[in-house]
Amino acid sequence: MRLDKFLKVSRLIKRRPLAKEVADKGRITINGQQAKASSNVKVGDELSIRFGQKIVTVQVEELQESTKKENAAHMYRLLKEERVKEEE
């Protein structure tokens, strides 16, 4: 499954165009490698997403083409969430 689609379906990022933009700016890594919106995501992959001053790291648990809002959180497991200090 494409990275941008996974982010939208899992509701980590609300809209697919926004997920593509975040990926194209280099703010997402898959297993430590910089990822593009078109990168493939597999079960077991570790995603790190930078949201402003916060980095969220999740592990992909399952892939679904679509899901209901209440089931979206089952698609990933939150590993860590950390704040990043502003670089001077």
N, C-alpha and C. Protein backbone atom coordinates (compact mmCIF):
# COMPACT_ATOMS: atom_id res chain seq x y z
N MET A 1 0.85 -1.18 0.00
CA MET A 1 0.00 0.00 0.00
C MET A 1 0.89 1.24 0.00
N ARG A 2 0.48 2.24 -0.75
CA ARG A 2 1.24 3.50 -0.80
C ARG A 2 1.23 4.18 0.57
N LEU A 3 2.32 4.86 0.88
CA LEU A 3 2.45 5.56 2.15
C LEU A 3 1.35 6.60 2.34
N ASP A 4 1.10 7.43 1.33
CA ASP A 4 0.09 8.49 1.49
C ASP A 4 -1.31 7.90 1.75
N LYS A 5 -1.62 6.78 1.10
CA LYS A 5 -2.92 6.15 1.32
C LYS A 5 -3.00 5.55 2.72
N PHE A 6 -1.92 4.91 3.18
CA PHE A 6 -1.92 4.35 4.53
C PHE A 6 -2.14 5.44 5.58
N LEU A 7 -1.46 6.57 5.43
CA LEU A 7 -1.60 7.66 6.39
C LEU A 7 -3.03 8.19 6.45
N LYS A 8 -3.69 8.26 5.29
CA LYS A 8 -5.07 8.74 5.25
C LYS A 8 -6.03 7.71 5.85
N VAL A 9 -5.93 6.45 5.41
CA VAL A 9 -6.85 5.42 5.88
C VAL A 9 -6.70 5.19 7.39
N SER A 10 -5.46 5.23 7.90
CA SER A 10 -5.22 5.02 9.33
C SER A 10 -5.53 6.28 10.14
N ARG A 11 -5.78 7.38 9.44
CA ARG A 11 -6.10 8.68 10.04
C ARG A 11 -4.96 9.26 10.86
N LEU A 12 -3.73 8.87 10.55
CA LEU A 12 -2.57 9.55 11.14
C LEU A 12 -2.50 10.97 10.57
N ILE A 13 -2.85 11.10 9.28
CA ILE A 13 -2.98 12.40 8.63
C ILE A 13 -4.36 12.37 7.96
N LYS A 14 -5.12 13.44 8.13
CA LYS A 14 -6.53 13.42 7.73
C LYS A 14 -6.78 13.35 6.23
N ARG A 15 -5.97 14.05 5.43
CA ARG A 15 -6.23 14.10 3.99
C ARG A 15 -5.01 13.59 3.21
N ARG A 16 -5.28 12.88 2.11
CA ARG A 16 -4.21 12.30 1.30
C ARG A 16 -3.29 13.35 0.68
N PRO A 17 -3.82 14.47 0.15
CA PRO A 17 -2.90 15.49 -0.40
C PRO A 17 -1.95 16.05 0.67
N LEU A 18 -2.44 16.17 1.90
CA LEU A 18 -1.58 16.64 2.99
C LEU A 18 -0.52 15.59 3.32
N ALA A 19 -0.89 14.31 3.30
CA ALA A 19 0.07 13.24 3.54
C ALA A 19 1.16 13.25 2.47
N LYS A 20 0.77 13.49 1.22
CA LYS A 20 1.74 13.57 0.13
C LYS A 20 2.69 14.74 0.34
N GLU A 21 2.15 15.88 0.73
CA GLU A 21 2.96 17.07 0.96
C GLU A 21 3.98 16.85 2.09
N VAL A 22 3.54 16.25 3.19
CA VAL A 22 4.43 15.98 4.32
C VAL A 22 5.55 15.02 3.89
N ALA A 23 5.21 13.99 3.13
CA ALA A 23 6.22 13.04 2.65
C ALA A 23 7.20 13.70 1.70
N ASP A 24 6.70 14.53 0.79
CA ASP A 24 7.56 15.19 -0.19
C ASP A 24 8.51 16.19 0.45
N LYS A 25 8.16 16.68 1.64
CA LYS A 25 9.05 17.61 2.36
C LYS A 25 10.11 16.86 3.17
N GLY A 26 10.10 15.53 3.11
CA GLY A 26 11.12 14.74 3.79
C GLY A 26 10.88 14.57 5.28
N ARG A 27 9.65 14.65 5.72
CA ARG A 27 9.34 14.55 7.14
C ARG A 27 8.93 13.15 7.58
N ILE A 28 8.99 12.18 6.67
CA ILE A 28 8.57 10.82 7.01
C ILE A 28 9.69 9.84 6.65
N THR A 29 9.97 8.91 7.57
CA THR A 29 10.91 7.84 7.27
C THR A 29 10.22 6.50 7.49
N ILE A 30 10.63 5.52 6.67
CA ILE A 30 10.17 4.14 6.84
C ILE A 30 11.39 3.32 7.16
N ASN A 31 11.42 2.72 8.34
CA ASN A 31 12.57 1.92 8.80
C ASN A 31 13.88 2.69 8.66
N GLY A 32 13.84 3.98 8.98
CA GLY A 32 15.05 4.81 8.96
C GLY A 32 15.41 5.39 7.61
N GLN A 33 14.70 5.02 6.55
CA GLN A 33 14.97 5.53 5.20
C GLN A 33 13.95 6.61 4.85
N GLN A 34 14.44 7.71 4.27
CA GLN A 34 13.53 8.78 3.85
C GLN A 34 12.50 8.21 2.86
N ALA A 35 11.24 8.60 3.04
CA ALA A 35 10.16 8.03 2.24
C ALA A 35 9.47 9.06 1.37
N LYS A 36 9.01 8.61 0.22
CA LYS A 36 8.18 9.43 -0.66
C LYS A 36 6.73 8.99 -0.48
N ALA A 37 5.80 9.80 -0.99
CA ALA A 37 4.38 9.47 -0.87
C ALA A 37 4.07 8.14 -1.56
N SER A 38 4.84 7.80 -2.59
CA SER A 38 4.58 6.57 -3.36
C SER A 38 5.30 5.35 -2.78
N SER A 39 6.06 5.52 -1.68
CA SER A 39 6.76 4.38 -1.08
C SER A 39 5.77 3.34 -0.60
N ASN A 40 6.17 2.07 -0.70
CA ASN A 40 5.31 0.98 -0.24
C ASN A 40 5.45 0.77 1.25
N VAL A 41 4.33 0.54 1.92
CA VAL A 41 4.29 0.26 3.35
C VAL A 41 3.86 -1.18 3.53
N LYS A 42 4.58 -1.92 4.40
CA LYS A 42 4.25 -3.31 4.68
C LYS A 42 3.99 -3.47 6.18
N VAL A 43 3.30 -4.53 6.55
CA VAL A 43 3.08 -4.84 7.97
C VAL A 43 4.45 -5.04 8.62
N GLY A 44 4.65 -4.41 9.77
CA GLY A 44 5.92 -4.51 10.49
C GLY A 44 6.84 -3.32 10.26
N ASP A 45 6.55 -2.50 9.26
CA ASP A 45 7.37 -1.31 9.01
C ASP A 45 7.22 -0.31 10.15
N GLU A 46 8.31 0.43 10.40
CA GLU A 46 8.30 1.47 11.43
C GLU A 46 8.32 2.82 10.74
N LEU A 47 7.30 3.63 11.00
CA LEU A 47 7.19 4.96 10.39
C LEU A 47 7.48 6.03 11.43
N SER A 48 8.30 7.01 11.07
CA SER A 48 8.53 8.18 11.91
C SER A 48 8.03 9.39 11.14
N ILE A 49 7.12 10.12 11.75
CA ILE A 49 6.50 11.27 11.09
C ILE A 49 6.76 12.50 11.94
N ARG A 50 7.27 13.55 11.30
CA ARG A 50 7.51 14.79 12.03
C ARG A 50 6.35 15.75 11.82
N PHE A 51 5.69 16.11 12.93
CA PHE A 51 4.61 17.09 12.94
C PHE A 51 5.13 18.31 13.69
N GLY A 52 5.64 19.31 13.01
CA GLY A 52 6.13 20.51 13.68
C GLY A 52 7.23 20.18 14.67
N GLN A 53 6.96 20.38 15.95
CA GLN A 53 7.95 20.12 17.00
C GLN A 53 7.80 18.74 17.64
N LYS A 54 7.09 17.83 16.97
CA LYS A 54 6.83 16.51 17.53
C LYS A 54 7.16 15.43 16.51
N ILE A 55 7.79 14.35 16.96
CA ILE A 55 8.03 13.19 16.09
C ILE A 55 7.25 12.02 16.66
N VAL A 56 6.39 11.43 15.81
CA VAL A 56 5.58 10.29 16.20
C VAL A 56 6.13 9.06 15.48
N THR A 57 6.40 8.00 16.23
CA THR A 57 6.90 6.76 15.65
C THR A 57 5.86 5.67 15.88
N VAL A 58 5.44 5.04 14.78
CA VAL A 58 4.43 3.98 14.85
C VAL A 58 4.91 2.75 14.09
N GLN A 59 4.35 1.61 14.44
CA GLN A 59 4.63 0.37 13.71
C GLN A 59 3.35 -0.05 13.00
N VAL A 60 3.46 -0.40 11.72
CA VAL A 60 2.31 -0.82 10.94
C VAL A 60 1.87 -2.21 11.41
N GLU A 61 0.61 -2.30 11.82
CA GLU A 61 0.05 -3.56 12.32
C GLU A 61 -0.77 -4.30 11.26
N GLU A 62 -1.53 -3.54 10.45
CA GLU A 62 -2.34 -4.16 9.39
C GLU A 62 -2.61 -3.15 8.30
N LEU A 63 -2.89 -3.65 7.10
CA LEU A 63 -3.20 -2.81 5.96
C LEU A 63 -4.63 -3.07 5.53
N GLN A 64 -5.39 -1.99 5.34
CA GLN A 64 -6.77 -2.10 4.87
C GLN A 64 -7.01 -1.01 3.84
N GLU A 65 -7.80 -1.33 2.84
CA GLU A 65 -8.12 -0.36 1.79
C GLU A 65 -8.99 0.77 2.33
N SER A 66 -9.88 0.44 3.25
CA SER A 66 -10.70 1.46 3.90
C SER A 66 -11.10 0.91 5.26
N THR A 67 -11.45 1.82 6.16
CA THR A 67 -11.84 1.39 7.50
C THR A 67 -12.72 2.46 8.14
N LYS A 68 -13.44 2.07 9.15
CA LYS A 68 -14.24 3.02 9.90
C LYS A 68 -13.35 3.76 10.89
N LYS A 69 -13.79 4.93 11.28
CA LYS A 69 -13.00 5.78 12.17
C LYS A 69 -12.57 5.05 13.44
N GLU A 70 -13.50 4.32 14.05
CA GLU A 70 -13.17 3.66 15.32
C GLU A 70 -12.19 2.49 15.16
N ASN A 71 -12.04 1.96 13.95
CA ASN A 71 -11.11 0.85 13.71
C ASN A 71 -9.76 1.31 13.16
N ALA A 72 -9.65 2.58 12.80
CA ALA A 72 -8.44 3.08 12.16
C ALA A 72 -7.21 2.92 13.05
N ALA A 73 -7.35 3.10 14.35
CA ALA A 73 -6.22 3.01 15.27
C ALA A 73 -5.65 1.60 15.36
N HIS A 74 -6.39 0.59 14.91
CA HIS A 74 -5.89 -0.79 14.93
C HIS A 74 -4.88 -1.05 13.82
N MET A 75 -4.75 -0.11 12.88
CA MET A 75 -3.84 -0.30 11.76
C MET A 75 -2.38 -0.04 12.15
N TYR A 76 -2.16 0.60 13.30
CA TYR A 76 -0.79 0.89 13.74
C TYR A 76 -0.71 0.82 15.26
N ARG A 77 0.54 0.73 15.74
CA ARG A 77 0.79 0.74 17.18
C ARG A 77 1.76 1.87 17.47
N LEU A 78 1.40 2.75 18.37
CA LEU A 78 2.24 3.89 18.73
C LEU A 78 3.44 3.38 19.51
N LEU A 79 4.65 3.64 19.01
CA LEU A 79 5.87 3.21 19.69
C LEU A 79 6.40 4.32 20.59
N LYS A 80 6.47 5.55 20.04
CA LYS A 80 6.91 6.67 20.88
C LYS A 80 6.47 7.98 20.25
N GLU A 81 6.41 8.97 21.11
CA GLU A 81 6.03 10.32 20.69
C GLU A 81 6.96 11.25 21.45
N GLU A 82 7.75 12.01 20.73
CA GLU A 82 8.74 12.86 21.40
C GLU A 82 8.73 14.27 20.84
N ARG A 83 9.03 15.22 21.70
CA ARG A 83 9.12 16.61 21.30
C ARG A 83 10.54 16.88 20.82
N VAL A 84 10.64 17.74 19.81
CA VAL A 84 11.94 18.10 19.25
C VAL A 84 12.23 19.54 19.62
N LYS A 85 13.45 19.79 20.09
CA LYS A 85 13.83 21.15 20.42
C LYS A 85 14.05 21.95 19.16
N GLU A 86 13.68 23.21 19.22
CA GLU A 86 13.86 24.13 18.08
C GLU A 86 15.35 24.27 17.79
N GLU A 87 15.73 24.09 16.53
CA GLU A 87 17.13 24.26 16.14
C GLU A 87 17.42 25.73 15.95
N GLU A 88 18.56 26.16 16.49
CA GLU A 88 18.90 27.58 16.40
C GLU A 88 19.84 27.85 15.26
